[in-house]
Amino acid sequence: MRFPRVIRLDDSDSQIYENPAVPGEWAVPGSFVFMNVDPGALAGKPKQAFLHGFLGTESFGWATLVTVAEISDDEYQSVIERLASHFMQNTGAPDRSAALKAAREEASFAASLCEHAVLTLLTLERKVEDESIVENFRVVRLPDASDHAAMKLWTVDDN
């Protein structure tokens, strides 16, 4: 099975998100985070998370890019368990059964985005239309997608 995995090609995520996701962790779109938020009231880093962020399933931080990767059954089940715990602790899921159902749906949707070659990059753009959150996903195929880790777009110089 294939699933989105956080990747960083530069240091920008650490600059634009309050809580950046960790490279290598599994990710979901995470739009559920914004279900009870007025996106129009967001500014700065929270607004960037709304507009472009994938949600890491370990750090529950944000990432701009994910890559299509192979996930084992055990890792997939761990993603579901972490999401269910997150739903219980942070979104008011009424019980573990409801949290697991929502977690399975989120994980299944994330996996459905990965019907592309391994190492294909995915980006996300969110907006509000007719009072609903709309997600648009883009597929980025690089000419030599054999090793994203060796590729850096730029680095941030703190000096």
Protein backbone atom coordinates (compact mmCIF):
# COMPACT_ATOMS: atom_id res chain seq x y z
CA MET A 1 0.00 0.00 0.00
CA ARG A 2 1.13 3.55 -0.66
CA PHE A 3 0.72 6.48 1.69
CA PRO A 4 1.87 10.11 1.96
CA ARG A 5 5.15 10.68 3.79
CA VAL A 6 6.49 14.07 4.86
CA ILE A 7 9.46 15.33 2.87
CA ARG A 8 11.44 18.56 3.03
CA LEU A 9 13.39 19.82 0.07
CA ASP A 10 14.39 23.01 1.90
CA ASP A 11 14.04 24.65 5.32
CA SER A 12 10.89 26.65 4.58
CA ASP A 13 8.49 24.50 6.63
CA SER A 14 10.44 25.34 9.77
CA GLN A 15 9.92 29.02 8.96
CA ILE A 16 6.27 29.08 7.90
CA TYR A 17 4.57 26.67 10.34
CA GLU A 18 4.31 27.01 14.11
CA ASN A 19 4.75 23.28 14.42
CA PRO A 20 6.49 21.79 11.37
CA ALA A 21 6.07 18.08 10.69
CA VAL A 22 9.10 15.83 10.91
CA PRO A 23 10.54 14.57 7.62
CA GLY A 24 9.78 10.88 7.18
CA GLU A 25 6.60 10.75 9.25
CA TRP A 26 3.35 9.60 7.63
CA ALA A 27 0.88 12.36 6.78
CA VAL A 28 -2.79 12.95 6.03
CA PRO A 29 -4.44 16.04 4.54
CA GLY A 30 -5.73 16.97 8.01
CA SER A 31 -8.49 19.38 6.99
CA PHE A 32 -10.48 18.11 9.98
CA VAL A 33 -8.28 20.39 12.12
CA PHE A 34 -10.07 23.38 10.58
CA MET A 35 -13.65 22.13 10.83
CA ASN A 36 -14.51 24.40 13.78
CA VAL A 37 -12.26 27.29 12.75
CA ASP A 38 -13.13 30.37 10.76
CA PRO A 39 -10.45 30.26 8.03
CA GLY A 40 -11.09 33.94 7.31
CA ALA A 41 -9.92 34.77 10.82
CA LEU A 42 -6.61 32.94 10.41
CA ALA A 43 -3.41 34.88 9.89
CA GLY A 44 0.31 34.17 9.73
CA LYS A 45 1.51 30.64 10.39
CA PRO A 46 -1.94 29.15 11.17
CA LYS A 47 -3.19 30.56 7.87
CA GLN A 48 -0.28 28.91 6.03
CA ALA A 49 -1.20 25.58 7.66
CA PHE A 50 -4.77 26.01 6.44
CA LEU A 51 -3.76 27.01 2.92
CA HIS A 52 -1.05 24.42 2.20
CA GLY A 53 -0.37 22.01 5.08
CA PHE A 54 -0.43 18.24 5.28
CA LEU A 55 -0.69 16.98 8.87
CA GLY A 56 2.02 14.66 10.19
CA THR A 57 0.59 11.74 12.16
CA GLU A 58 3.31 11.63 14.83
CA SER A 59 4.16 15.26 15.54
CA PHE A 60 0.77 16.56 14.37
CA GLY A 61 2.78 19.32 12.75
CA TRP A 62 2.45 20.65 9.22
CA ALA A 63 4.32 20.00 5.97
CA THR A 64 4.05 21.60 2.55
CA LEU A 65 5.18 18.53 0.63
CA VAL A 66 4.61 14.82 0.91
CA THR A 67 5.98 12.04 -1.22
CA VAL A 68 4.27 8.81 -2.21
CA ALA A 69 5.87 5.97 -0.25
CA GLU A 70 5.25 2.32 0.55
CA ILE A 71 3.71 1.75 3.99
CA SER A 72 3.54 -1.61 5.78
CA ASP A 73 0.29 -2.91 7.25
CA ASP A 74 1.67 -2.40 10.77
CA GLU A 75 2.67 1.20 10.03
CA TYR A 76 -0.76 1.87 8.49
CA GLN A 77 -2.49 0.50 11.59
CA SER A 78 -0.24 2.69 13.76
CA VAL A 79 -1.30 5.75 11.76
CA ILE A 80 -4.95 4.85 12.40
CA GLU A 81 -4.31 4.36 16.13
CA ARG A 82 -2.48 7.70 16.45
CA LEU A 83 -5.23 9.50 14.54
CA ALA A 84 -7.93 7.90 16.70
CA SER A 85 -6.10 8.98 19.86
CA HIS A 86 -5.79 12.48 18.42
CA PHE A 87 -9.53 12.55 17.68
CA MET A 88 -10.29 11.46 21.24
CA GLN A 89 -7.98 14.03 22.84
CA ASN A 90 -8.39 17.01 20.52
CA THR A 91 -11.61 16.90 18.54
CA GLY A 92 -14.15 15.62 21.04
CA ALA A 93 -14.79 12.21 19.50
CA PRO A 94 -17.61 10.71 21.61
CA ASP A 95 -15.91 7.33 22.03
CA ARG A 96 -13.06 5.15 20.75
CA SER A 97 -15.28 3.45 18.17
CA ALA A 98 -16.23 6.78 16.55
CA ALA A 99 -12.61 7.95 16.71
CA LEU A 100 -11.38 4.77 14.99
CA LYS A 101 -14.05 5.12 12.29
CA ALA A 102 -12.98 8.71 11.56
CA ALA A 103 -9.29 7.71 11.66
CA ARG A 104 -9.86 4.88 9.16
CA GLU A 105 -11.70 7.27 6.83
CA GLU A 106 -8.91 9.86 7.01
CA ALA A 107 -6.20 7.22 6.45
CA SER A 108 -8.12 5.65 3.58
CA PHE A 109 -8.54 9.03 1.91
CA ALA A 110 -4.82 9.78 2.34
CA ALA A 111 -3.93 6.42 0.78
CA SER A 112 -6.26 7.12 -2.14
CA LEU A 113 -4.13 10.15 -3.03
CA CYS A 114 -1.13 7.91 -3.61
CA GLU A 115 -2.11 6.14 -6.81
CA HIS A 116 1.12 7.43 -8.34
CA ALA A 117 4.67 6.16 -8.60
CA VAL A 118 6.69 5.99 -5.40
CA LEU A 119 8.61 9.27 -4.83
CA THR A 120 5.98 11.35 -6.63
CA LEU A 121 5.50 14.63 -4.75
CA LEU A 122 2.06 15.89 -3.70
CA THR A 123 1.03 19.41 -2.74
CA LEU A 124 -2.21 20.67 -1.25
CA GLU A 125 -4.15 23.88 -1.62
CA ARG A 126 -7.15 24.57 0.61
CA LYS A 127 -9.77 27.26 0.25
CA VAL A 128 -13.31 27.97 1.34
CA GLU A 129 -16.08 27.81 -1.25
CA ASP A 130 -19.76 28.06 -0.37
CA GLU A 131 -18.91 27.74 3.33
CA SER A 132 -17.09 24.42 2.79
CA ILE A 133 -13.40 23.59 2.82
CA VAL A 134 -12.25 22.55 -0.65
CA GLU A 135 -8.98 20.67 -1.14
CA ASN A 136 -7.04 20.63 -4.40
CA PHE A 137 -4.10 18.26 -4.73
CA ARG A 138 -1.31 18.63 -7.24
CA VAL A 139 1.06 15.95 -8.44
CA VAL A 140 4.69 16.93 -9.03
CA ARG A 141 6.81 14.53 -11.01
CA LEU A 142 10.46 15.46 -11.11
CA PRO A 143 12.64 14.30 -14.01
CA ASP A 144 14.90 12.28 -11.68
CA ALA A 145 12.76 11.24 -8.73
CA SER A 146 15.24 8.62 -7.58
CA ASP A 147 16.53 10.54 -4.56
CA HIS A 148 14.63 13.52 -3.13
CA ALA A 149 16.86 13.47 -0.06
CA ALA A 150 19.86 14.59 -2.10
CA MET A 151 17.91 17.51 -3.54
CA LYS A 152 17.77 20.88 -1.79
CA LEU A 153 15.98 23.87 -3.26
CA TRP A 154 17.51 26.39 -0.87
CA THR A 155 18.46 26.83 2.75
CA VAL A 156 17.64 29.60 5.19
CA ASP A 157 20.62 31.56 6.43
CA ASP A 158 19.99 32.96 9.93
CA ASN A 159 22.86 35.45 9.60
